[in-house]
């Protein structure tokens, strides 16, 4: 499901002002997604911009940053530090620790 489909399903109507424009960053093929705010009844919905980073051929990252003094600048800083790997020893220890911490939190809350 795309970002647009998810929002449209929740709102039960099409988004307006949807744009996907190139985003200047350290990685080529980076895009910025934006959409107009929407009103439904008494509620106003603001959709945070999404920065989509291509890590072809194996990955795509979607970054949402909103409410900082320089959202685009922070997105660029994050993109500049991002790396990918297929080496399981790089990510398995962190993934394992994260899952254990989540399990511990679930067990403590019961």
N, C-alpha and C. Protein backbone atom coordinates (compact mmCIF):
# COMPACT_ATOMS: atom_id res chain seq x y z
N UNK A 1 0.85 -1.18 0.00
CA UNK A 1 0.00 0.00 0.00
C UNK A 1 0.89 1.24 0.00
N UNK A 2 0.56 2.19 -0.81
CA UNK A 2 1.33 3.43 -0.86
C UNK A 2 0.89 4.39 0.23
N UNK A 3 1.68 5.43 0.43
CA UNK A 3 1.33 6.47 1.40
C UNK A 3 -0.04 7.05 1.06
N UNK A 4 -0.25 7.37 -0.21
CA UNK A 4 -1.51 7.98 -0.64
C UNK A 4 -2.67 7.04 -0.38
N UNK A 5 -2.54 5.78 -0.75
CA UNK A 5 -3.64 4.81 -0.56
C UNK A 5 -4.01 4.69 0.91
N UNK A 6 -3.03 4.67 1.79
CA UNK A 6 -3.31 4.56 3.22
C UNK A 6 -4.12 5.74 3.74
N UNK A 7 -3.70 6.95 3.37
CA UNK A 7 -4.44 8.14 3.81
C UNK A 7 -5.83 8.18 3.18
N UNK A 8 -5.92 7.85 1.89
CA UNK A 8 -7.22 7.90 1.22
C UNK A 8 -8.18 6.86 1.79
N UNK A 9 -7.66 5.72 2.16
CA UNK A 9 -8.51 4.69 2.78
C UNK A 9 -9.03 5.18 4.13
N UNK A 10 -8.16 5.81 4.92
CA UNK A 10 -8.57 6.33 6.23
C UNK A 10 -9.61 7.44 6.09
N UNK A 11 -9.39 8.34 5.13
CA UNK A 11 -10.31 9.48 4.94
C UNK A 11 -11.53 9.14 4.11
N UNK A 12 -11.43 8.05 3.36
CA UNK A 12 -12.50 7.63 2.43
C UNK A 12 -12.76 8.66 1.34
N UNK A 13 -11.67 9.29 0.87
CA UNK A 13 -11.75 10.22 -0.26
C UNK A 13 -10.32 10.50 -0.75
N UNK A 14 -10.22 11.00 -1.98
CA UNK A 14 -8.89 11.27 -2.54
C UNK A 14 -8.18 12.44 -1.85
N UNK A 15 -6.86 12.37 -1.78
CA UNK A 15 -6.08 13.50 -1.30
C UNK A 15 -5.97 14.53 -2.43
N UNK A 16 -5.75 15.77 -2.06
CA UNK A 16 -5.55 16.83 -3.05
C UNK A 16 -4.14 17.39 -2.90
N UNK A 17 -3.66 17.99 -3.98
CA UNK A 17 -2.35 18.63 -3.94
C UNK A 17 -1.18 17.69 -3.76
N UNK A 18 -1.35 16.44 -4.14
CA UNK A 18 -0.28 15.47 -3.98
C UNK A 18 0.83 15.78 -4.98
N UNK A 19 2.06 15.88 -4.46
CA UNK A 19 3.22 16.15 -5.31
C UNK A 19 4.35 15.20 -4.94
N UNK A 20 5.09 14.79 -5.94
CA UNK A 20 6.29 13.99 -5.77
C UNK A 20 7.38 14.68 -6.59
N UNK A 21 8.28 15.36 -5.89
CA UNK A 21 9.29 16.17 -6.56
C UNK A 21 10.68 15.70 -6.18
N UNK A 22 11.66 15.88 -7.08
CA UNK A 22 13.03 15.53 -6.72
C UNK A 22 13.47 16.31 -5.48
N UNK A 23 14.26 15.65 -4.63
CA UNK A 23 14.74 16.25 -3.38
C UNK A 23 16.26 16.22 -3.40
N UNK A 24 16.87 17.38 -3.27
CA UNK A 24 18.33 17.49 -3.31
C UNK A 24 18.93 16.92 -2.04
N UNK A 25 19.73 15.85 -2.20
CA UNK A 25 20.37 15.23 -1.04
C UNK A 25 21.65 14.54 -1.49
N UNK A 26 22.33 13.90 -0.54
CA UNK A 26 23.58 13.20 -0.83
C UNK A 26 23.36 11.96 -1.70
N UNK A 27 22.14 11.50 -1.84
CA UNK A 27 21.84 10.31 -2.63
C UNK A 27 20.97 10.69 -3.82
N UNK A 28 21.40 10.29 -5.00
CA UNK A 28 20.60 10.52 -6.20
C UNK A 28 19.32 9.70 -6.11
N UNK A 29 18.29 10.16 -6.78
CA UNK A 29 17.04 9.42 -6.79
C UNK A 29 16.23 9.60 -5.53
N UNK A 30 16.41 10.73 -4.84
CA UNK A 30 15.65 11.03 -3.63
C UNK A 30 14.49 11.95 -4.01
N UNK A 31 13.32 11.66 -3.44
CA UNK A 31 12.10 12.39 -3.77
C UNK A 31 11.42 12.89 -2.51
N UNK A 32 10.64 13.96 -2.66
CA UNK A 32 9.85 14.48 -1.54
C UNK A 32 8.38 14.43 -1.91
N UNK A 33 7.59 13.76 -1.06
CA UNK A 33 6.15 13.62 -1.25
C UNK A 33 5.45 14.61 -0.32
N UNK A 34 4.49 15.36 -0.86
CA UNK A 34 3.68 16.27 -0.05
C UNK A 34 2.22 16.18 -0.50
N UNK A 35 1.32 16.60 0.37
CA UNK A 35 -0.10 16.66 0.04
C UNK A 35 -0.73 17.80 0.83
N UNK A 36 -1.81 18.34 0.29
CA UNK A 36 -2.56 19.39 0.99
C UNK A 36 -3.18 18.83 2.27
N UNK A 37 -3.40 19.71 3.24
CA UNK A 37 -4.16 19.33 4.44
C UNK A 37 -5.59 19.00 4.03
N UNK A 38 -6.26 18.24 4.86
CA UNK A 38 -7.65 17.86 4.57
C UNK A 38 -8.51 18.12 5.80
N UNK A 39 -9.75 18.48 5.55
CA UNK A 39 -10.72 18.68 6.62
C UNK A 39 -11.80 17.64 6.49
N UNK A 40 -12.13 17.03 7.61
CA UNK A 40 -13.23 16.06 7.64
C UNK A 40 -14.02 16.32 8.91
N UNK A 41 -15.21 16.84 8.74
CA UNK A 41 -16.00 17.23 9.90
C UNK A 41 -15.31 18.37 10.62
N UNK A 42 -15.10 18.20 11.91
CA UNK A 42 -14.42 19.22 12.72
C UNK A 42 -12.91 19.00 12.78
N UNK A 43 -12.42 18.00 12.11
CA UNK A 43 -11.00 17.63 12.20
C UNK A 43 -10.20 18.11 11.00
N UNK A 44 -9.04 18.65 11.27
CA UNK A 44 -8.09 19.06 10.23
C UNK A 44 -6.93 18.07 10.24
N UNK A 45 -6.60 17.50 9.10
CA UNK A 45 -5.51 16.54 8.97
C UNK A 45 -4.37 17.18 8.20
N UNK A 46 -3.18 17.15 8.80
CA UNK A 46 -1.97 17.65 8.15
C UNK A 46 -1.09 16.43 7.88
N UNK A 47 -0.69 16.26 6.65
CA UNK A 47 0.10 15.11 6.26
C UNK A 47 1.57 15.49 6.23
N UNK A 48 2.38 14.83 7.06
CA UNK A 48 3.81 15.19 7.07
C UNK A 48 4.46 14.84 5.75
N UNK A 49 5.35 15.70 5.28
CA UNK A 49 6.09 15.38 4.06
C UNK A 49 6.87 14.08 4.26
N UNK A 50 7.05 13.34 3.21
CA UNK A 50 7.83 12.10 3.23
C UNK A 50 8.98 12.26 2.26
N UNK A 51 10.17 11.95 2.72
CA UNK A 51 11.34 11.95 1.85
C UNK A 51 11.64 10.49 1.54
N UNK A 52 11.67 10.16 0.27
CA UNK A 52 11.83 8.78 -0.18
C UNK A 52 13.23 8.63 -0.77
N UNK A 53 14.01 7.72 -0.17
CA UNK A 53 15.40 7.54 -0.54
C UNK A 53 15.57 6.18 -1.21
N UNK A 54 16.12 6.18 -2.40
CA UNK A 54 16.33 4.95 -3.17
C UNK A 54 17.68 4.33 -2.80
N UNK A 55 17.64 3.12 -2.28
CA UNK A 55 18.85 2.35 -1.99
C UNK A 55 18.89 1.13 -2.90
N UNK A 56 18.62 1.34 -4.19
CA UNK A 56 18.57 0.25 -5.16
C UNK A 56 19.83 -0.60 -5.08
N UNK A 57 19.68 -1.87 -5.33
CA UNK A 57 18.47 -2.56 -5.76
C UNK A 57 17.70 -3.19 -4.60
N UNK A 58 18.13 -2.97 -3.36
CA UNK A 58 17.60 -3.76 -2.25
C UNK A 58 16.67 -3.04 -1.29
N UNK A 59 16.64 -1.72 -1.30
CA UNK A 59 15.86 -1.05 -0.26
C UNK A 59 15.40 0.34 -0.69
N UNK A 60 14.38 0.80 0.00
CA UNK A 60 13.90 2.17 -0.10
C UNK A 60 13.62 2.62 1.33
N UNK A 61 14.06 3.83 1.67
CA UNK A 61 13.78 4.37 2.99
C UNK A 61 12.79 5.52 2.85
N UNK A 62 11.86 5.61 3.79
CA UNK A 62 10.90 6.71 3.80
C UNK A 62 11.08 7.43 5.13
N UNK A 63 11.41 8.72 5.04
CA UNK A 63 11.69 9.52 6.23
C UNK A 63 10.60 10.57 6.38
N UNK A 64 10.07 10.71 7.59
CA UNK A 64 9.10 11.76 7.90
C UNK A 64 9.70 12.65 8.98
N UNK A 65 9.82 13.92 8.67
CA UNK A 65 10.34 14.88 9.64
C UNK A 65 9.44 16.10 9.60
N UNK A 66 9.00 16.52 10.79
CA UNK A 66 8.08 17.66 10.83
C UNK A 66 8.22 18.36 12.16
N UNK A 67 8.26 19.67 12.11
CA UNK A 67 8.25 20.45 13.34
C UNK A 67 9.61 20.93 13.81
N UNK A 68 10.64 20.74 12.99
CA UNK A 68 11.96 21.28 13.35
C UNK A 68 12.14 22.63 12.67
N UNK A 69 13.19 23.33 13.05
CA UNK A 69 13.46 24.63 12.43
C UNK A 69 13.81 24.47 10.95
N UNK A 70 14.38 23.31 10.59
CA UNK A 70 14.77 23.06 9.20
C UNK A 70 14.52 21.58 8.89
N UNK A 71 13.27 21.24 8.59
CA UNK A 71 12.91 19.84 8.31
C UNK A 71 13.72 19.26 7.15
N UNK A 72 13.85 20.02 6.06
CA UNK A 72 14.60 19.52 4.91
C UNK A 72 16.08 19.33 5.25
N UNK A 73 16.64 20.25 6.02
CA UNK A 73 18.04 20.14 6.42
C UNK A 73 18.29 18.91 7.28
N UNK A 74 17.38 18.64 8.21
CA UNK A 74 17.53 17.46 9.05
C UNK A 74 17.38 16.19 8.21
N UNK A 75 16.46 16.19 7.27
CA UNK A 75 16.31 15.03 6.38
C UNK A 75 17.60 14.80 5.60
N UNK A 76 18.21 15.86 5.12
CA UNK A 76 19.48 15.73 4.38
C UNK A 76 20.59 15.16 5.28
N UNK A 77 20.65 15.61 6.52
CA UNK A 77 21.65 15.09 7.46
C UNK A 77 21.45 13.60 7.70
N UNK A 78 20.21 13.19 7.88
CA UNK A 78 19.91 11.78 8.12
C UNK A 78 20.30 10.96 6.88
N UNK A 79 19.92 11.42 5.71
CA UNK A 79 20.22 10.70 4.47
C UNK A 79 21.73 10.56 4.29
N UNK A 80 22.47 11.60 4.61
CA UNK A 80 23.92 11.56 4.45
C UNK A 80 24.57 10.49 5.32
N UNK A 81 23.96 10.16 6.45
CA UNK A 81 24.55 9.17 7.36
C UNK A 81 24.02 7.75 7.13
N UNK A 82 23.01 7.59 6.29
CA UNK A 82 22.39 6.28 6.09
C UNK A 82 23.28 5.36 5.25
N UNK A 83 23.32 4.10 5.67
CA UNK A 83 24.07 3.07 4.95
C UNK A 83 23.23 1.81 4.91
N UNK A 84 23.47 0.95 3.94
CA UNK A 84 22.81 -0.35 3.89
C UNK A 84 23.88 -1.43 3.84
N UNK A 85 23.48 -2.62 4.26
CA UNK A 85 24.39 -3.75 4.23
C UNK A 85 23.59 -5.04 4.13
N UNK A 86 24.23 -6.05 3.61
CA UNK A 86 23.63 -7.39 3.60
C UNK A 86 24.34 -8.30 4.61
N UNK A 87 25.29 -7.74 5.36
CA UNK A 87 26.04 -8.51 6.34
C UNK A 87 25.18 -8.70 7.60
N UNK A 88 24.70 -9.92 7.86
CA UNK A 88 23.82 -10.13 9.01
C UNK A 88 24.47 -9.78 10.34
N UNK A 89 25.78 -9.86 10.43
CA UNK A 89 26.44 -9.52 11.70
C UNK A 89 26.36 -8.03 11.98
N UNK A 90 26.04 -7.26 10.98
CA UNK A 90 25.89 -5.82 11.17
C UNK A 90 24.55 -5.50 11.81
N UNK A 91 23.49 -6.17 11.35
CA UNK A 91 22.15 -5.79 11.83
C UNK A 91 21.50 -6.79 12.78
N UNK A 92 21.89 -8.06 12.77
CA UNK A 92 21.25 -9.03 13.66
C UNK A 92 21.40 -8.72 15.14
N UNK A 93 22.59 -8.33 15.64
CA UNK A 93 22.68 -8.01 17.06
C UNK A 93 21.73 -6.89 17.49
N UNK A 94 21.62 -5.84 16.68
CA UNK A 94 20.71 -4.75 17.01
C UNK A 94 19.26 -5.20 16.94
N UNK A 95 18.91 -5.96 15.90
CA UNK A 95 17.56 -6.47 15.75
C UNK A 95 17.20 -7.39 16.92
N UNK A 96 18.12 -8.26 17.29
CA UNK A 96 17.90 -9.17 18.40
C UNK A 96 17.68 -8.41 19.71
N UNK A 97 18.53 -7.42 19.98
CA UNK A 97 18.39 -6.62 21.20
C UNK A 97 17.07 -5.85 21.21
N UNK A 98 16.68 -5.33 20.07
CA UNK A 98 15.42 -4.59 19.98
C UNK A 98 14.23 -5.50 20.26
N UNK A 99 14.23 -6.68 19.65
CA UNK A 99 13.11 -7.61 19.86
C UNK A 99 13.06 -8.09 21.30
N UNK A 100 14.22 -8.34 21.91
CA UNK A 100 14.24 -8.75 23.33
C UNK A 100 13.70 -7.64 24.22
N UNK A 101 14.08 -6.40 23.93
CA UNK A 101 13.58 -5.27 24.72
C UNK A 101 12.07 -5.13 24.58
N UNK A 102 11.57 -5.34 23.37
CA UNK A 102 10.12 -5.28 23.15
C UNK A 102 9.42 -6.40 23.91
N UNK A 103 9.98 -7.62 23.86
CA UNK A 103 9.41 -8.75 24.61
C UNK A 103 9.41 -8.47 26.10
N UNK A 104 10.51 -7.92 26.63
CA UNK A 104 10.59 -7.60 28.05
C UNK A 104 9.51 -6.58 28.45
N UNK A 105 9.30 -5.60 27.60
CA UNK A 105 8.27 -4.59 27.87
C UNK A 105 6.88 -5.18 27.88
N UNK A 106 6.61 -6.11 26.96
CA UNK A 106 5.30 -6.77 26.89
C UNK A 106 5.10 -7.64 28.12
N UNK A 107 6.13 -8.38 28.51
CA UNK A 107 6.01 -9.28 29.66
C UNK A 107 5.82 -8.48 30.95
N UNK A 108 6.50 -7.33 31.09
CA UNK A 108 6.36 -6.53 32.30
C UNK A 108 4.98 -5.88 32.40
N UNK A 109 4.35 -5.61 31.26
CA UNK A 109 3.05 -4.95 31.29
C UNK A 109 1.90 -5.91 31.60
N UNK A 110 2.17 -7.21 31.59
CA UNK A 110 1.09 -8.17 31.87
C UNK A 110 0.89 -8.41 33.34
